[in-house]
Amino acid sequence: MSKKINVRIGILALMVFAAALSRLLPHPYNFTPIGAMSLFGAAYFSKRWLAFAVPFLAMWVSDLILDNVVYSQYYDGFQWFGHTWVYISFALIVVLGFMLLRKLNITNVILASLSASAIFFLVTNFAVWLGSPAYPQNFIGLMSCYAAGLPFYSMDASPPLGFLLNGVLGDLFYCGVLFGVFEWVKMRFPALKIA
């Protein structure tokens, strides 16, 4: 029984790390697996600490590579940890997954995915606004910051589709891949099911 659980945990972890490393591939702004990894961990790891630890570790490893290799010209020195607000949204999405994915079905996964996109958008745009000279530090400034990330906010906006829409599409895509692949693998290898 313990070997069965270890194989399941290994496959789940491998899938989460593969999703995290897909952030290194060229992709549209904010079309990432962050929300999907959080929900996937919450749905399938039987131990809650693993639902946080594995996706967080995968995210941290991919951040190390992105910040110190891909985006190194934007930082002074080696970056061990950054993007605190992204990790806060990550944790909130795991908690959301615990609540919405108790019963695993397509409707709940889609609802959780859309909710994860909203959480990520609200938390990270709040972080952009907080202390930013680009936006007044008042309610109007905060709403302007949120509006700037909405789809089709401005014809000159970069990215043109907006961070929110790309986030929604990314979360739906990666949820479809992660949940779909694991459910297919479970059908092929029933030993991966938890009693």
C-alpha atoms as a PDB file:
ATOM      1  CA  MET A   1       0.000   0.000   0.000  1.00  0.00           C
ATOM      2  CA  SER A   2       2.801   2.439   0.893  1.00  0.00           C
ATOM      3  CA  LYS A   3       4.560   1.739  -2.436  1.00  0.00           C
ATOM      4  CA  LYS A   4       1.299   2.531  -4.258  1.00  0.00           C
ATOM      5  CA  ILE A   5       1.022   5.868  -2.429  1.00  0.00           C
ATOM      6  CA  ASN A   6       4.677   6.724  -3.124  1.00  0.00           C
ATOM      7  CA  VAL A   7       4.240   6.028  -6.857  1.00  0.00           C
ATOM      8  CA  ARG A   8       1.109   8.190  -6.919  1.00  0.00           C
ATOM      9  CA  ILE A   9       2.882  11.041  -5.095  1.00  0.00           C
ATOM     10  CA  GLY A  10       5.845  10.722  -7.461  1.00  0.00           C
ATOM     11  CA  ILE A  11       3.665  10.950 -10.569  1.00  0.00           C
ATOM     12  CA  LEU A  12       1.714  13.891  -9.148  1.00  0.00           C
ATOM     13  CA  ALA A  13       4.947  15.693  -8.247  1.00  0.00           C
ATOM     14  CA  LEU A  14       6.423  15.010 -11.680  1.00  0.00           C
ATOM     15  CA  MET A  15       3.334  16.491 -13.342  1.00  0.00           C
ATOM     16  CA  VAL A  16       3.453  19.596 -11.132  1.00  0.00           C
ATOM     17  CA  PHE A  17       7.169  20.120 -11.849  1.00  0.00           C
ATOM     18  CA  ALA A  18       6.596  19.642 -15.592  1.00  0.00           C
ATOM     19  CA  ALA A  19       3.844  22.274 -15.475  1.00  0.00           C
ATOM     20  CA  ALA A  20       6.077  24.670 -13.527  1.00  0.00           C
ATOM     21  CA  LEU A  21       8.945  24.218 -15.970  1.00  0.00           C
ATOM     22  CA  SER A  22       6.588  24.944 -18.877  1.00  0.00           C
ATOM     23  CA  ARG A  23       6.853  28.562 -17.686  1.00  0.00           C
ATOM     24  CA  LEU A  24      10.288  28.549 -19.339  1.00  0.00           C
ATOM     25  CA  LEU A  25       8.728  28.033 -22.772  1.00  0.00           C
ATOM     26  CA  PRO A  26       7.631  31.067 -24.802  1.00  0.00           C
ATOM     27  CA  HIS A  27       4.043  31.950 -23.913  1.00  0.00           C
ATOM     28  CA  PRO A  28       1.635  34.916 -23.937  1.00  0.00           C
ATOM     29  CA  TYR A  29       1.803  37.216 -20.904  1.00  0.00           C
ATOM     30  CA  ASN A  30       0.228  35.599 -17.839  1.00  0.00           C
ATOM     31  CA  PHE A  31      -0.722  32.396 -19.729  1.00  0.00           C
ATOM     32  CA  THR A  32       0.835  30.214 -17.044  1.00  0.00           C
ATOM     33  CA  PRO A  33       0.150  27.056 -15.003  1.00  0.00           C
ATOM     34  CA  ILE A  34       0.282  28.811 -11.609  1.00  0.00           C
ATOM     35  CA  GLY A  35      -3.415  28.550 -10.722  1.00  0.00           C
ATOM     36  CA  ALA A  36      -3.744  25.068 -12.219  1.00  0.00           C
ATOM     37  CA  MET A  37      -0.749  23.742 -10.248  1.00  0.00           C
ATOM     38  CA  SER A  38      -2.293  25.036  -7.019  1.00  0.00           C
ATOM     39  CA  LEU A  39      -5.676  23.474  -7.742  1.00  0.00           C
ATOM     40  CA  PHE A  40      -4.148  20.212  -8.964  1.00  0.00           C
ATOM     41  CA  GLY A  41      -2.125  19.881  -5.760  1.00  0.00           C
ATOM     42  CA  ALA A  42      -5.184  20.613  -3.624  1.00  0.00           C
ATOM     43  CA  ALA A  43      -7.292  18.076  -5.511  1.00  0.00           C
ATOM     44  CA  TYR A  44      -4.929  15.113  -5.642  1.00  0.00           C
ATOM     45  CA  PHE A  45      -2.388  15.155  -2.812  1.00  0.00           C
ATOM     46  CA  SER A  46      -3.962  13.272   0.073  1.00  0.00           C
ATOM     47  CA  LYS A  47      -1.768  15.062   2.615  1.00  0.00           C
ATOM     48  CA  ARG A  48      -2.529  18.788   2.752  1.00  0.00           C
ATOM     49  CA  TRP A  49       1.050  19.768   3.460  1.00  0.00           C
ATOM     50  CA  LEU A  50       2.062  18.135   0.156  1.00  0.00           C
ATOM     51  CA  ALA A  51      -0.655  20.126  -1.641  1.00  0.00           C
ATOM     52  CA  PHE A  52       1.215  23.257  -0.571  1.00  0.00           C
ATOM     53  CA  ALA A  53       4.816  21.993  -0.542  1.00  0.00           C
ATOM     54  CA  VAL A  54       5.103  20.318  -3.960  1.00  0.00           C
ATOM     55  CA  PRO A  55       3.587  23.140  -6.053  1.00  0.00           C
ATOM     56  CA  PHE A  56       5.442  25.769  -3.984  1.00  0.00           C
ATOM     57  CA  LEU A  57       8.754  23.975  -4.505  1.00  0.00           C
ATOM     58  CA  ALA A  58       8.083  23.559  -8.236  1.00  0.00           C
ATOM     59  CA  MET A  59       7.154  27.224  -8.513  1.00  0.00           C
ATOM     60  CA  TRP A  60      10.257  28.283  -6.567  1.00  0.00           C
ATOM     61  CA  VAL A  61      12.569  26.213  -8.807  1.00  0.00           C
ATOM     62  CA  SER A  62      11.000  27.680 -11.953  1.00  0.00           C
ATOM     63  CA  ASP A  63      11.268  31.184 -10.432  1.00  0.00           C
ATOM     64  CA  LEU A  64      14.966  30.622  -9.701  1.00  0.00           C
ATOM     65  CA  ILE A  65      15.574  29.782 -13.340  1.00  0.00           C
ATOM     66  CA  LEU A  66      13.385  32.575 -14.700  1.00  0.00           C
ATOM     67  CA  ASP A  67      14.724  35.293 -12.393  1.00  0.00           C
ATOM     68  CA  ASN A  68      18.397  34.325 -12.590  1.00  0.00           C
ATOM     69  CA  VAL A  69      18.685  33.200 -16.200  1.00  0.00           C
ATOM     70  CA  VAL A  70      15.812  34.435 -18.375  1.00  0.00           C
ATOM     71  CA  TYR A  71      15.232  37.801 -16.635  1.00  0.00           C
ATOM     72  CA  SER A  72      18.655  38.261 -15.039  1.00  0.00           C
ATOM     73  CA  GLN A  73      19.180  41.627 -16.755  1.00  0.00           C
ATOM     74  CA  TYR A  74      16.346  43.058 -14.616  1.00  0.00           C
ATOM     75  CA  TYR A  75      17.905  42.105 -11.257  1.00  0.00           C
ATOM     76  CA  ASP A  76      21.051  42.990  -9.355  1.00  0.00           C
ATOM     77  CA  GLY A  77      22.652  39.807  -8.050  1.00  0.00           C
ATOM     78  CA  PHE A  78      21.245  36.335  -7.541  1.00  0.00           C
ATOM     79  CA  GLN A  79      17.526  36.177  -6.709  1.00  0.00           C
ATOM     80  CA  TRP A  80      16.660  33.526  -4.137  1.00  0.00           C
ATOM     81  CA  PHE A  81      13.041  34.451  -3.651  1.00  0.00           C
ATOM     82  CA  GLY A  82      10.762  37.023  -5.142  1.00  0.00           C
ATOM     83  CA  HIS A  83       7.226  37.766  -6.087  1.00  0.00           C
ATOM     84  CA  THR A  84       5.831  37.360  -2.570  1.00  0.00           C
ATOM     85  CA  TRP A  85       2.340  38.349  -3.677  1.00  0.00           C
ATOM     86  CA  VAL A  86       2.330  35.616  -6.331  1.00  0.00           C
ATOM     87  CA  TYR A  87       3.049  33.067  -3.585  1.00  0.00           C
ATOM     88  CA  ILE A  88       0.308  34.555  -1.407  1.00  0.00           C
ATOM     89  CA  SER A  89      -2.177  34.150  -4.257  1.00  0.00           C
ATOM     90  CA  PHE A  90      -0.773  30.653  -4.816  1.00  0.00           C
ATOM     91  CA  ALA A  91      -1.552  29.699  -1.191  1.00  0.00           C
ATOM     92  CA  LEU A  92      -5.055  31.187  -1.399  1.00  0.00           C
ATOM     93  CA  ILE A  93      -5.727  29.163  -4.546  1.00  0.00           C
ATOM     94  CA  VAL A  94      -4.656  25.933  -2.792  1.00  0.00           C
ATOM     95  CA  VAL A  95      -7.146  26.711   0.002  1.00  0.00           C
ATOM     96  CA  LEU A  96      -9.792  27.433  -2.640  1.00  0.00           C
ATOM     97  CA  GLY A  97      -9.007  24.046  -4.190  1.00  0.00           C
ATOM     98  CA  PHE A  98      -9.559  22.300  -0.853  1.00  0.00           C
ATOM     99  CA  MET A  99     -13.024  23.853  -0.693  1.00  0.00           C
ATOM    100  CA  LEU A 100     -14.194  23.598  -4.310  1.00  0.00           C
ATOM    101  CA  LEU A 101     -12.602  20.317  -5.353  1.00  0.00           C
ATOM    102  CA  ARG A 102     -13.812  18.011  -2.587  1.00  0.00           C
ATOM    103  CA  LYS A 103     -15.937  16.409  -5.286  1.00  0.00           C
ATOM    104  CA  LEU A 104     -13.912  16.213  -8.483  1.00  0.00           C
ATOM    105  CA  ASN A 105     -15.882  16.804 -11.666  1.00  0.00           C
ATOM    106  CA  ILE A 106     -15.578  19.022 -14.743  1.00  0.00           C
ATOM    107  CA  THR A 107     -17.959  21.681 -13.432  1.00  0.00           C
ATOM    108  CA  ASN A 108     -16.044  22.055 -10.166  1.00  0.00           C
ATOM    109  CA  VAL A 109     -12.683  22.169 -11.958  1.00  0.00           C
ATOM    110  CA  ILE A 110     -13.927  24.919 -14.310  1.00  0.00           C
ATOM    111  CA  LEU A 111     -15.427  26.886 -11.398  1.00  0.00           C
ATOM    112  CA  ALA A 112     -12.220  26.496  -9.382  1.00  0.00           C
ATOM    113  CA  SER A 113     -10.119  27.507 -12.396  1.00  0.00           C
ATOM    114  CA  LEU A 114     -12.136  30.691 -12.990  1.00  0.00           C
ATOM    115  CA  SER A 115     -12.028  31.512  -9.272  1.00  0.00           C
ATOM    116  CA  ALA A 116      -8.262  30.921  -9.198  1.00  0.00           C
ATOM    117  CA  SER A 117      -7.820  33.373 -12.074  1.00  0.00           C
ATOM    118  CA  ALA A 118      -9.844  35.984 -10.180  1.00  0.00           C
ATOM    119  CA  ILE A 119      -7.823  35.490  -6.987  1.00  0.00           C
ATOM    120  CA  PHE A 120      -4.514  35.735  -8.837  1.00  0.00           C
ATOM    121  CA  PHE A 121      -5.638  38.858 -10.703  1.00  0.00           C
ATOM    122  CA  LEU A 122      -6.967  40.615  -7.588  1.00  0.00           C
ATOM    123  CA  VAL A 123      -3.974  39.798  -5.389  1.00  0.00           C
ATOM    124  CA  THR A 124      -1.194  40.494  -7.888  1.00  0.00           C
ATOM    125  CA  ASN A 125      -2.758  43.685  -9.261  1.00  0.00           C
ATOM    126  CA  PHE A 126      -3.199  44.886  -5.679  1.00  0.00           C
ATOM    127  CA  ALA A 127       0.531  44.278  -5.239  1.00  0.00           C
ATOM    128  CA  VAL A 128       1.312  46.254  -8.406  1.00  0.00           C
ATOM    129  CA  TRP A 129      -0.777  49.172  -7.123  1.00  0.00           C
ATOM    130  CA  LEU A 130       0.626  49.052  -3.573  1.00  0.00           C
ATOM    131  CA  GLY A 131       3.370  51.629  -3.346  1.00  0.00           C
ATOM    132  CA  SER A 132       3.587  52.071  -7.125  1.00  0.00           C
ATOM    133  CA  PRO A 133       4.367  55.543  -8.463  1.00  0.00           C
ATOM    134  CA  ALA A 134       2.371  54.654 -11.599  1.00  0.00           C
ATOM    135  CA  TYR A 135      -0.949  54.744  -9.716  1.00  0.00           C
ATOM    136  CA  PRO A 136      -2.297  57.144  -7.069  1.00  0.00           C
ATOM    137  CA  GLN A 137      -2.390  55.425  -3.684  1.00  0.00           C
ATOM    138  CA  ASN A 138      -6.142  55.693  -3.295  1.00  0.00           C
ATOM    139  CA  PHE A 139      -9.257  53.803  -4.358  1.00  0.00           C
ATOM    140  CA  ILE A 140      -9.273  55.382  -7.827  1.00  0.00           C
ATOM    141  CA  GLY A 141      -5.642  54.403  -8.325  1.00  0.00           C
ATOM    142  CA  LEU A 142      -6.399  50.827  -7.270  1.00  0.00           C
ATOM    143  CA  MET A 143      -9.352  50.616  -9.650  1.00  0.00           C
ATOM    144  CA  SER A 144      -7.177  52.058 -12.442  1.00  0.00           C
ATOM    145  CA  CYS A 145      -4.608  49.350 -11.771  1.00  0.00           C
ATOM    146  CA  TYR A 146      -7.284  46.662 -11.967  1.00  0.00           C
ATOM    147  CA  ALA A 147      -8.754  48.203 -15.133  1.00  0.00           C
ATOM    148  CA  ALA A 148      -5.324  48.179 -16.798  1.00  0.00           C
ATOM    149  CA  GLY A 149      -5.242  44.384 -16.554  1.00  0.00           C
ATOM    150  CA  LEU A 150      -8.722  43.797 -17.944  1.00  0.00           C
ATOM    151  CA  PRO A 151      -9.237  42.407 -21.449  1.00  0.00           C
ATOM    152  CA  PHE A 152      -9.415  45.026 -24.162  1.00  0.00           C
ATOM    153  CA  TYR A 153      -8.884  47.870 -21.665  1.00  0.00           C
ATOM    154  CA  SER A 154      -7.034  49.886 -24.293  1.00  0.00           C
ATOM    155  CA  MET A 155      -6.121  49.400 -27.918  1.00  0.00           C
ATOM    156  CA  ASP A 156      -2.539  50.286 -26.980  1.00  0.00           C
ATOM    157  CA  ALA A 157      -2.467  47.943 -23.988  1.00  0.00           C
ATOM    158  CA  SER A 158       0.310  45.441 -23.774  1.00  0.00           C
ATOM    159  CA  PRO A 159      -0.595  42.638 -23.805  1.00  0.00           C
ATOM    160  CA  PRO A 160      -3.561  43.424 -26.056  1.00  0.00           C
ATOM    161  CA  LEU A 161      -5.813  40.776 -24.502  1.00  0.00           C
ATOM    162  CA  GLY A 162      -5.062  41.823 -20.936  1.00  0.00           C
ATOM    163  CA  PHE A 163      -3.616  39.937 -18.033  1.00  0.00           C
ATOM    164  CA  LEU A 164      -6.976  38.751 -16.712  1.00  0.00           C
ATOM    165  CA  LEU A 165      -8.103  37.098 -19.940  1.00  0.00           C
ATOM    166  CA  ASN A 166      -4.708  35.476 -20.498  1.00  0.00           C
ATOM    167  CA  GLY A 167      -4.777  34.247 -16.893  1.00  0.00           C
ATOM    168  CA  VAL A 168      -8.244  32.751 -17.339  1.00  0.00           C
ATOM    169  CA  LEU A 169      -7.228  31.035 -20.581  1.00  0.00           C
ATOM    170  CA  GLY A 170      -3.968  29.762 -19.059  1.00  0.00           C
ATOM    171  CA  ASP A 171      -5.681  28.389 -15.960  1.00  0.00           C
ATOM    172  CA  LEU A 172      -8.371  26.648 -18.019  1.00  0.00           C
ATOM    173  CA  PHE A 173      -5.799  25.196 -20.415  1.00  0.00           C
ATOM    174  CA  TYR A 174      -3.429  23.915 -17.726  1.00  0.00           C
ATOM    175  CA  CYS A 175      -6.287  22.603 -15.563  1.00  0.00           C
ATOM    176  CA  GLY A 176      -7.524  20.700 -18.606  1.00  0.00           C
ATOM    177  CA  VAL A 177      -4.069  19.253 -19.217  1.00  0.00           C
ATOM    178  CA  LEU A 178      -3.171  18.396 -15.607  1.00  0.00           C
ATOM    179  CA  PHE A 179      -6.547  17.050 -14.489  1.00  0.00           C
ATOM    180  CA  GLY A 180      -7.258  15.377 -17.835  1.00  0.00           C
ATOM    181  CA  VAL A 181      -3.887  13.641 -18.084  1.00  0.00           C
ATOM    182  CA  PHE A 182      -3.974  12.385 -14.499  1.00  0.00           C
ATOM    183  CA  GLU A 183      -7.536  11.067 -14.831  1.00  0.00           C
ATOM    184  CA  TRP A 184      -6.523   9.310 -18.063  1.00  0.00           C
ATOM    185  CA  VAL A 185      -3.432   7.829 -16.372  1.00  0.00           C
ATOM    186  CA  LYS A 186      -5.601   6.625 -13.449  1.00  0.00           C
ATOM    187  CA  MET A 187      -7.896   4.825 -15.898  1.00  0.00           C
ATOM    188  CA  ARG A 188      -4.898   3.126 -17.491  1.00  0.00           C
ATOM    189  CA  PHE A 189      -3.252   2.304 -14.143  1.00  0.00           C
ATOM    190  CA  PRO A 190      -5.937   1.731 -11.498  1.00  0.00           C
ATOM    191  CA  ALA A 191      -3.227   1.272  -8.846  1.00  0.00           C
ATOM    192  CA  LEU A 192      -2.905   5.074  -8.798  1.00  0.00           C
ATOM    193  CA  LYS A 193      -6.384   5.469  -7.365  1.00  0.00           C
ATOM    194  CA  ILE A 194      -6.674   6.127  -3.647  1.00  0.00           C
ATOM    195  CA  ALA A 195      -9.107   3.869  -1.809  1.00  0.00           C
END
